[in-house]
Protein backbone atom coordinates (compact mmCIF):
# COMPACT_ATOMS: atom_id res chain seq x y z
CA MET A 1 -7.98 44.05 29.08
CA HIS A 2 -10.81 42.42 27.14
CA PRO A 3 -10.68 39.34 26.29
CA SER A 4 -10.92 39.83 22.25
CA VAL A 5 -7.94 42.22 22.47
CA GLU A 6 -5.68 39.45 24.15
CA ASN A 7 -6.79 37.06 21.57
CA ARG A 8 -6.11 39.84 18.88
CA PHE A 9 -2.78 39.69 20.30
CA TYR A 10 -2.35 35.74 19.88
CA ASP A 11 -3.54 36.10 16.86
CA LEU A 12 -0.75 38.35 15.53
CA LEU A 13 1.77 36.79 17.63
CA GLY A 14 1.24 33.73 15.83
CA ARG A 15 1.41 35.18 12.85
CA LYS A 16 4.49 37.19 12.86
CA LEU A 17 6.01 33.73 14.39
CA ALA A 18 5.01 32.12 11.01
CA GLY A 19 6.30 35.00 8.92
CA GLU A 20 2.79 35.60 7.55
CA SER A 21 2.44 39.60 9.00
CA ASP A 22 2.30 42.16 6.68
CA ALA A 23 3.09 45.89 7.61
CA LEU A 24 -0.94 46.67 8.99
CA GLU A 25 -0.41 43.71 11.71
CA LEU A 26 2.98 44.43 12.50
CA GLU A 27 2.27 48.19 13.25
CA GLU A 28 -1.03 46.74 14.75
CA LEU A 29 1.26 44.36 17.04
CA GLU A 30 3.37 47.01 18.15
CA THR A 31 0.50 49.27 19.36
CA LEU A 32 -1.17 46.42 21.21
CA LEU A 33 2.57 46.31 22.96
CA ARG A 34 2.43 49.99 23.66
CA ARG A 35 -1.15 49.69 24.92
CA HIS A 36 -0.68 46.68 26.98
CA PRO A 37 2.85 46.47 28.86
CA GLU A 38 1.73 43.41 30.71
CA LEU A 39 2.37 41.23 27.17
CA GLN A 40 5.50 42.63 26.38
CA LEU A 41 7.74 40.14 28.84
CA PHE A 42 5.41 37.17 27.81
CA TYR A 43 6.19 38.47 23.68
CA ASN A 44 9.71 38.98 24.75
CA GLN A 45 10.40 35.39 25.80
CA VAL A 46 8.41 34.26 23.13
CA ILE A 47 10.52 36.18 20.16
CA THR A 48 14.22 35.17 21.97
CA HIS A 49 13.37 31.34 21.20
CA THR A 50 17.04 30.24 21.62
CA ALA A 51 18.45 27.19 23.34
CA GLU A 52 20.28 29.55 25.66
CA VAL A 53 16.95 30.53 27.38
CA SER A 54 16.46 28.62 30.44
CA ASP A 55 13.30 26.89 32.23
CA ALA A 56 13.43 28.89 34.93
CA ASP A 57 13.01 32.29 32.64
CA ILE A 58 10.62 30.78 30.97
CA ASP A 59 8.15 29.76 33.84
CA THR A 60 9.17 33.24 35.23
CA ALA A 61 7.83 35.24 32.27
CA TYR A 62 4.78 32.87 31.64
CA ALA A 63 3.49 33.03 34.92
CA ILE A 64 3.51 36.54 35.44
CA HIS A 65 1.35 37.03 31.94
CA TYR A 66 -0.85 33.92 33.00
CA GLU A 67 -1.54 35.31 36.65
CA LYS A 68 -2.96 38.46 34.56
CA MET A 69 -4.28 36.71 31.65
CA TYR A 70 -6.36 33.26 32.55
CA PRO A 71 -8.34 32.80 35.62
CA ALA A 72 -7.34 29.69 38.19
CA SER A 73 -9.52 27.31 36.74
CA ALA A 74 -7.61 26.51 33.57
CA PRO A 75 -3.94 25.08 34.73
CA SER A 76 -4.24 22.80 31.07
CA ILE A 77 -3.64 25.81 29.28
CA LYS A 78 -0.81 26.88 31.10
CA SER A 79 0.75 23.09 31.34
CA ARG A 80 0.17 23.00 27.68
CA VAL A 81 2.12 26.16 26.62
CA VAL A 82 4.46 26.61 29.10
CA SER A 83 5.58 22.76 27.61
CA TRP A 84 5.39 23.97 24.16
CA LEU A 85 7.98 26.99 25.14
CA LYS A 86 10.35 24.86 26.51
CA TRP A 87 10.21 22.66 23.78
CA SER A 88 10.23 25.51 21.19
CA LEU A 89 13.37 27.43 22.45
CA ALA A 90 15.59 24.53 22.98
CA ALA A 91 14.86 23.42 19.29
CA ALA A 92 18.06 23.99 16.87
CA SER A 93 15.35 24.39 13.71
CA VAL A 94 13.88 27.83 13.55
CA VAL A 95 11.41 26.90 11.04
CA VAL A 96 10.31 24.22 13.41
CA VAL A 97 9.86 26.85 16.24
CA LEU A 98 8.12 28.88 14.22
CA SER A 99 5.57 26.36 12.89
CA VAL A 100 4.73 25.13 16.45
CA SER A 101 4.21 28.60 17.67
CA TRP A 102 1.56 29.24 14.66
CA LEU A 103 -0.35 25.92 15.18
CA LEU A 104 -0.32 26.17 19.37
CA LEU A 105 -1.55 29.91 19.48
CA ASN A 106 -4.27 29.27 17.26
CA ARG A 107 -5.23 26.27 19.00
CA ASN A 108 -5.95 28.07 22.05
CA LYS A 109 -7.53 30.24 21.03
CA PRO A 110 -11.37 30.70 21.26
CA VAL A 111 -10.90 32.34 17.78
CA THR A 112 -9.64 29.50 15.24
CA ASP A 113 -9.87 31.76 11.65
CA LYS A 114 -10.67 35.27 10.80
CA GLN A 115 -11.77 36.78 8.09
CA THR A 116 -9.79 40.23 6.62
CA ILE A 117 -9.99 42.30 4.24
CA VAL A 118 -7.82 45.20 3.10
CA ALA A 119 -7.62 48.48 0.94
CA SER A 120 -4.54 48.94 -0.45
CA GLY A 121 -5.29 52.19 -2.30
CA ARG A 122 -8.06 54.60 -3.64
CA ASP A 123 -8.89 52.26 -6.96
CA SER A 124 -9.29 49.41 -4.33
CA ARG A 125 -11.49 50.96 -1.81
CA SER A 126 -13.66 48.09 -0.85
CA THR A 127 -17.74 47.38 0.55
CA MET A 128 -18.27 43.98 2.10
CA THR A 129 -21.50 42.58 4.06
CA LEU A 130 -20.44 41.07 7.04
CA PRO A 131 -22.18 37.46 7.88
CA ASP A 132 -25.38 39.38 10.34
CA GLY A 133 -26.00 42.11 7.34
CA SER A 134 -23.81 44.89 8.38
CA ILE A 135 -22.11 47.10 6.10
CA VAL A 136 -18.50 48.00 5.89
CA ARG A 137 -16.81 50.26 3.52
CA LEU A 138 -13.20 50.59 4.06
CA ASN A 139 -11.58 54.05 3.00
CA ALA A 140 -7.55 53.61 1.30
CA LYS A 141 -4.85 51.73 3.24
CA SER A 142 -7.15 50.52 5.47
CA LYS A 143 -8.00 46.64 7.07
CA VAL A 144 -10.77 45.15 8.64
CA SER A 145 -10.94 41.85 10.13
CA TYR A 146 -13.17 39.43 12.38
CA GLY A 147 -13.38 36.00 13.29
CA GLU A 148 -15.28 33.08 12.02
CA GLY A 149 -18.16 32.57 14.92
CA PHE A 150 -19.13 36.32 14.34
CA GLY A 151 -22.63 37.46 14.09
CA LYS A 152 -23.34 33.94 16.63
CA THR A 153 -21.72 35.03 20.33
CA THR A 154 -19.77 37.99 19.48
CA ARG A 155 -19.59 40.75 16.63
CA GLU A 156 -16.22 41.79 17.01
CA VAL A 157 -13.51 43.77 14.04
CA PHE A 158 -10.55 45.07 14.15
CA LEU A 159 -9.46 47.92 12.15
CA THR A 160 -6.72 49.65 10.90
CA GLY A 161 -7.22 52.69 9.02
CA GLU A 162 -10.64 54.40 8.08
CA ALA A 163 -14.08 52.40 7.83
CA TYR A 164 -17.63 53.23 7.54
CA PHE A 165 -19.97 51.31 9.13
CA GLU A 166 -23.37 50.78 8.83
CA VAL A 167 -24.39 48.11 11.83
CA THR A 168 -27.62 46.01 11.69
CA HIS A 169 -29.43 46.23 15.63
CA ASN A 170 -28.86 43.31 18.02
CA ALA A 171 -29.60 43.83 21.44
CA ASN A 172 -27.92 40.78 22.57
CA VAL A 173 -25.18 40.74 20.41
CA PRO A 174 -23.65 44.28 20.52
CA PHE A 175 -21.21 45.09 17.69
CA ILE A 176 -17.90 46.35 19.01
CA VAL A 177 -15.21 48.05 16.97
CA HIS A 178 -11.43 47.44 18.15
CA THR A 179 -9.15 50.10 17.79
CA GLY A 180 -5.70 50.80 18.68
CA GLU A 181 -6.66 53.56 20.93
CA ALA A 182 -10.10 52.77 22.32
CA ASP A 183 -13.67 50.06 21.78
CA ILE A 184 -16.17 51.16 20.42
CA LYS A 185 -19.45 49.74 21.07
CA VAL A 186 -22.97 49.77 19.20
CA LEU A 187 -26.55 48.21 18.98
CA GLY A 188 -26.79 49.75 15.43
CA THR A 189 -26.16 52.86 14.30
CA LYS A 190 -24.28 54.68 11.15
CA PHE A 191 -20.58 56.10 12.07
CA ASN A 192 -17.04 56.64 10.57
CA VAL A 193 -14.08 55.76 12.24
CA ARG A 194 -10.39 57.00 11.70
CA ASN A 195 -7.42 55.28 12.83
CA TYR A 196 -4.36 55.41 10.65
CA SER A 197 -0.95 54.74 12.52
CA ASN A 198 1.05 57.25 10.83
CA GLU A 199 -1.48 59.58 12.38
CA HIS A 200 -1.57 61.34 15.73
CA ARG A 201 -5.08 60.91 16.49
CA MET A 202 -8.17 58.76 16.11
CA GLU A 203 -11.29 59.74 15.09
CA ALA A 204 -15.03 58.52 15.50
CA ALA A 205 -17.99 60.54 13.76
CA LEU A 206 -21.35 59.22 14.54
CA LEU A 207 -24.21 59.91 12.18
CA THR A 208 -27.42 57.86 13.66
CA GLY A 209 -27.90 56.02 16.50
CA SER A 210 -25.36 55.88 19.09
CA ILE A 211 -21.95 54.09 19.91
CA GLU A 212 -20.43 54.18 23.37
CA LEU A 213 -16.40 54.65 23.73
CA THR A 214 -13.67 53.02 26.10
CA LEU A 215 -10.03 53.96 26.03
CA HIS A 216 -7.95 51.24 26.79
CA GLU A 217 -6.28 53.25 28.97
CA ASP A 218 -9.43 54.38 31.41
CA GLU A 219 -11.78 51.06 30.63
CA GLN A 220 -14.20 52.18 33.37
CA HIS A 221 -14.86 55.46 32.06
CA LYS A 222 -17.37 55.41 28.90
CA ILE A 223 -18.43 58.11 26.78
CA LEU A 224 -21.41 57.54 24.91
CA LEU A 225 -22.04 59.87 21.52
CA LYS A 226 -25.36 60.96 20.03
CA PRO A 227 -26.23 61.98 16.52
CA SER A 228 -23.60 64.25 14.79
CA ASP A 229 -21.23 64.21 17.56
CA LYS A 230 -17.40 63.59 16.85
CA ILE A 231 -14.73 61.91 19.58
CA ILE A 232 -11.15 62.82 18.81
CA VAL A 233 -8.27 60.57 20.74
CA LYS A 234 -5.70 62.40 20.92
CA LYS A 235 -2.04 59.33 20.95
CA GLU A 236 0.14 62.02 22.37
CA ALA A 237 -1.65 64.69 24.05
CA GLY A 238 -0.41 68.31 23.51
CA GLY A 239 -0.10 70.84 26.21
CA ASP A 240 -3.02 72.89 24.61
CA ALA A 241 -5.05 69.97 24.11
CA THR A 242 -8.70 70.61 25.21
CA ILE A 243 -10.04 69.45 28.22
CA THR A 244 -13.83 68.60 27.86
CA PRO A 245 -16.43 68.21 30.85
CA ASP A 246 -17.66 64.70 29.51
CA THR A 247 -14.54 62.86 29.58
CA GLY A 248 -12.12 65.53 32.05
CA ASN A 249 -9.10 63.99 29.78
CA LYS A 250 -6.93 66.20 27.73
CA LYS A 251 -6.44 63.16 25.36
CA VAL A 252 -10.22 63.30 24.40
CA GLU A 253 -11.95 65.75 22.63
CA LEU A 254 -15.40 65.93 21.92
CA THR A 255 -16.98 67.93 19.06
CA SER A 256 -19.14 67.83 15.88
CA ILE A 257 -19.53 66.93 12.82
CA LYS A 258 -18.54 68.90 9.88
CA MET A 259 -20.84 70.46 6.94
CA GLN A 260 -18.86 71.47 4.00
CA ASP A 261 -20.94 72.62 0.62
CA SER A 262 -23.49 69.98 1.77
CA VAL A 263 -21.30 67.30 2.07
CA ILE A 264 -19.97 65.78 5.91
CA VAL A 265 -16.14 66.38 5.97
CA GLU A 266 -15.99 63.05 7.71
CA THR A 267 -17.61 60.54 5.35
CA SER A 268 -16.58 62.58 2.01
CA TRP A 269 -14.51 60.20 1.01
CA LEU A 270 -17.50 57.68 0.34
CA ASN A 271 -18.30 59.91 -2.63
CA ASP A 272 -14.99 59.97 -3.96
CA LYS A 273 -14.06 63.62 -2.87
CA MET A 274 -11.70 65.05 -0.41
CA ALA A 275 -13.11 67.73 1.97
CA PHE A 276 -11.17 69.45 5.09
CA TYR A 277 -12.49 71.62 7.65
CA ASP A 278 -9.23 74.19 8.94
CA LYS A 279 -7.16 71.20 8.29
CA PRO A 280 -3.00 71.53 8.37
CA PHE A 281 -1.34 71.37 4.95
CA SER A 282 0.77 68.14 6.37
CA GLU A 283 -2.55 66.51 7.25
CA ILE A 284 -3.91 66.96 3.76
CA ALA A 285 -0.76 65.81 2.45
CA LEU A 286 -0.68 62.20 4.45
CA ASP A 287 -4.89 62.12 2.43
CA LEU A 288 -2.92 62.35 -0.79
CA GLU A 289 -0.17 59.76 -0.19
CA ARG A 290 -2.72 57.61 0.65
CA GLN A 291 -4.98 58.06 -2.02
CA PHE A 292 -3.11 58.10 -4.87
CA ASP A 293 -0.10 56.04 -3.63
CA VAL A 294 2.58 58.98 -3.60
CA THR A 295 5.17 60.58 -1.62
CA VAL A 296 4.96 64.11 -0.28
CA GLU A 297 7.75 65.86 1.10
CA PHE A 298 7.98 69.49 2.39
CA LYS A 299 10.88 71.89 1.75
CA ASN A 300 9.49 74.68 3.62
CA LYS A 301 7.64 73.80 7.13
CA GLU A 302 5.74 77.28 6.97
CA ILE A 303 4.08 75.72 4.03
CA SER A 304 3.47 72.55 5.63
CA GLY A 305 1.41 74.59 8.40
CA TYR A 306 -1.19 76.00 5.88
CA LYS A 307 -4.52 75.20 6.73
CA TYR A 308 -7.43 74.81 4.38
CA THR A 309 -11.22 74.38 4.19
CA GLY A 310 -13.42 73.27 1.04
CA VAL A 311 -14.40 70.34 -1.03
CA TYR A 312 -12.14 69.01 -3.64
CA ASP A 313 -13.27 65.94 -6.28
CA GLU A 314 -10.66 63.24 -6.08
CA ALA A 315 -10.04 63.23 -9.83
CA ARG A 316 -5.95 63.61 -9.98
CA VAL A 317 -3.27 64.34 -7.43
CA GLU A 318 -2.39 67.29 -10.12
CA ASP A 319 -5.90 68.80 -9.44
CA ILE A 320 -6.18 68.66 -6.18
CA LEU A 321 -2.49 71.02 -5.71
CA LYS A 322 -3.43 73.49 -8.30
CA ILE A 323 -6.85 74.26 -6.10
CA LEU A 324 -4.49 74.42 -3.11
CA GLN A 325 -1.87 76.72 -4.87
CA MET A 326 -4.70 79.18 -5.63
CA ILE A 327 -5.77 79.48 -2.60
CA LYS A 328 -2.45 79.64 -0.63
CA PRO A 329 0.75 79.87 -3.16
CA PHE A 330 3.45 77.67 -2.64
CA GLN A 331 5.18 75.29 -5.73
CA TYR A 332 6.04 71.84 -6.10
CA THR A 333 7.38 69.58 -8.44
CA ILE A 334 5.77 65.63 -9.37
CA ASN A 335 8.55 63.10 -10.18
CA ASN A 336 7.12 59.78 -10.79
CA LYS A 337 5.26 59.48 -7.60
CA GLN A 338 7.57 61.65 -5.37
CA ILE A 339 5.25 65.07 -4.60
CA THR A 340 7.93 67.90 -3.88
CA ILE A 341 6.61 70.65 -2.19
CA TYR A 342 8.49 74.25 -1.32
């Protein structure tokens, strides 16, 4: 496990204990626990903060976690955390336990603070310049966070949702994007990453430069991308998934970016457009929900499988639905923010 992933786990756990987590952070924490089962026992013991839990249980839980996470040369960290756990699990006040949990977890982490940028809807898409000069543009319902020391000894960000990166070159300090499925390492380039929690795959599309992708479940295998390459990591590989010679992994598909009407499909959102290339209506519906803050329900499963190709302006959700309706017929109703398709 990459140390930064472990640090992120502690940060998310501390925010949850303090009651400061938002929905995206809770989803990110669940993803980390699924990807790294070795964290689960330690997590369970911390969450189950009751006086009935014995010292032996705490010692066992932490010992298992500690052997995986820390070198033998750092006994002081273990003693502080174990002492805190014993005290907090015996405390009568849940409020006190949560407060001390938050303070201790953050005190023992190398990254002591972080900056978080959230884009909640189409009108709040964000563009920011990181301390190292790199530019990040966030799509709707997306979030990126980074540590206080960013740009000095490390350049690591954590992404939930979709973002476009223009990374400044720094050969001494690689830029790394962490997602629930993989880590993306780069020196200087332009690329787009899509990693929404309610979609069954993560995508990275490279426009210029080069990036190196490492799957969390196969950290010894590095996948290099060249300009115009696109990689798709299936979160749940299906039986008919493509096995590529470069990866040998049916969860991973290496393809190329798509052009439609002189628009790059993968980055069309940067120009306030929605571009699809043979995309199922069910997946288009997820885009509509994020961009226009609506809910889409299909009453006919056959219609949800309709596939569309084209470029559409993001003016109004009704405009896009009418164009799709002309290509392949269906009916729909709109009641406030609820869209029903049948």
